[in-house]
Amino acid sequence: MKRSTLISTAGLLLAAYIAVPLALGGNQYVMSMVVAALIIGGVAMSWALLGNLGGMVSFGHAAFFGVGAYVSALTTVKLGLPVFAAMLLGGVGASVAAVIMLPVLRLRGPYFALAILAYAHIFRILATEWSSVTGGSGGVNNIPGLPSVFGFDLASKTGAYLVVLTLVVACAFAYSRIRASHYGIALRAMHDSEDATRVVGVNSTLLKGAMLLVSAFMAGLFGAFNAHYINFLEPDYAFNSLWVTLPIVAAIFGGYRTILGPVLGAVVVYLVDQLIFKSLIPTGHQLVLGVLLVTMIVFSPNGLLPLLQKWLKKALSKEKAKENAHA
């Protein structure tokens, strides 16, 4: 990694971990909106990973989100498992749910997307009807919140922000390592010609299945976090279609072919919608999201993050040209 990239990454992390809590920590409402945006951003990143590396478009990530939330919630409420261990188990539970979906890898395009969507509805019905375990439509109450660490309450808005930010950073790092690996190169080559990669010995089905499991784990992890953040869970919320539509909008708006573009898109889209458009247009304010998305697709099809990077590169080149002219 280039030195300039390391410095900029370190600066962004420093700002995210220190500057944001200092600036917004006193405003509980705004901080809660930022936490919600990062949850959506995490799911958007997992959706983009599946599309970029697995070459699959999913309409059913609500299944992974909901399964992760229920596994984590139930293992803490019924078995007394520590929250962070239960959250990891929630991610594993979502991956197990993805294993059940592996047969649909034989499908392509919209058929795969609709099959995954069908699984999401199946899991929602299962959570509703299996009341002896899940509590049915009444949901799960009194889910343990995030614990205190060294006297710092992670259940507070600032604490929850730091936890979900750490999850986003960890998933982004894992995403980057997978993409840079030999497997990532093979997966990206499959986008041009899956048949050609098979000829050279690449097991495309195995790699695509692995990406489905990784994507499910990430989505389940954020679902598990959300369950302990809000301390309540019921089927219609856990498997709500919003956990599919909002991440897709965020990923496309921010730049789904980049690693952090979906997160940036979620933060911008969700905060602008909740803090500005919701107050201006109380009814139907989410229609503005469609306008924003169409505008971004028309003027910058690659998304917001590549556009910002392009602007920054131009600004730096102009600044460097001025310095050379004065030298």
Foldseek 3Di string as FASTA:
>chain_A
DDPVVVVVVVVVVCCQLPVVCVVCVVPQVVLLLLLVLLLLLLLLLLQLLLCQQLVDHALQLLQLLLQLQQQLQLCCVPVVDANVVSLLVLLVRLLVLLVVVLVLLVPDDPSSRVSNNVSLVVSLVVLQPVCVRQVHQVGDAQRAAHPADPNRRLLGSSNSSNVSVVLLVVLLVVSVVCCPDPSVVLSNVVVVPVVVSVVVPDPSSVSSSVSSSSSSSSSSSSSNNVCNNVRIDGSCVSSPSCSRVLSNLLCQAQFSNDNSRSSVSSSVLSCCQPVPQCVVPVPPSCVVSVVSSVVCCVPPRRHDNVVVVVVVVVVVVVVVVVVVVVD
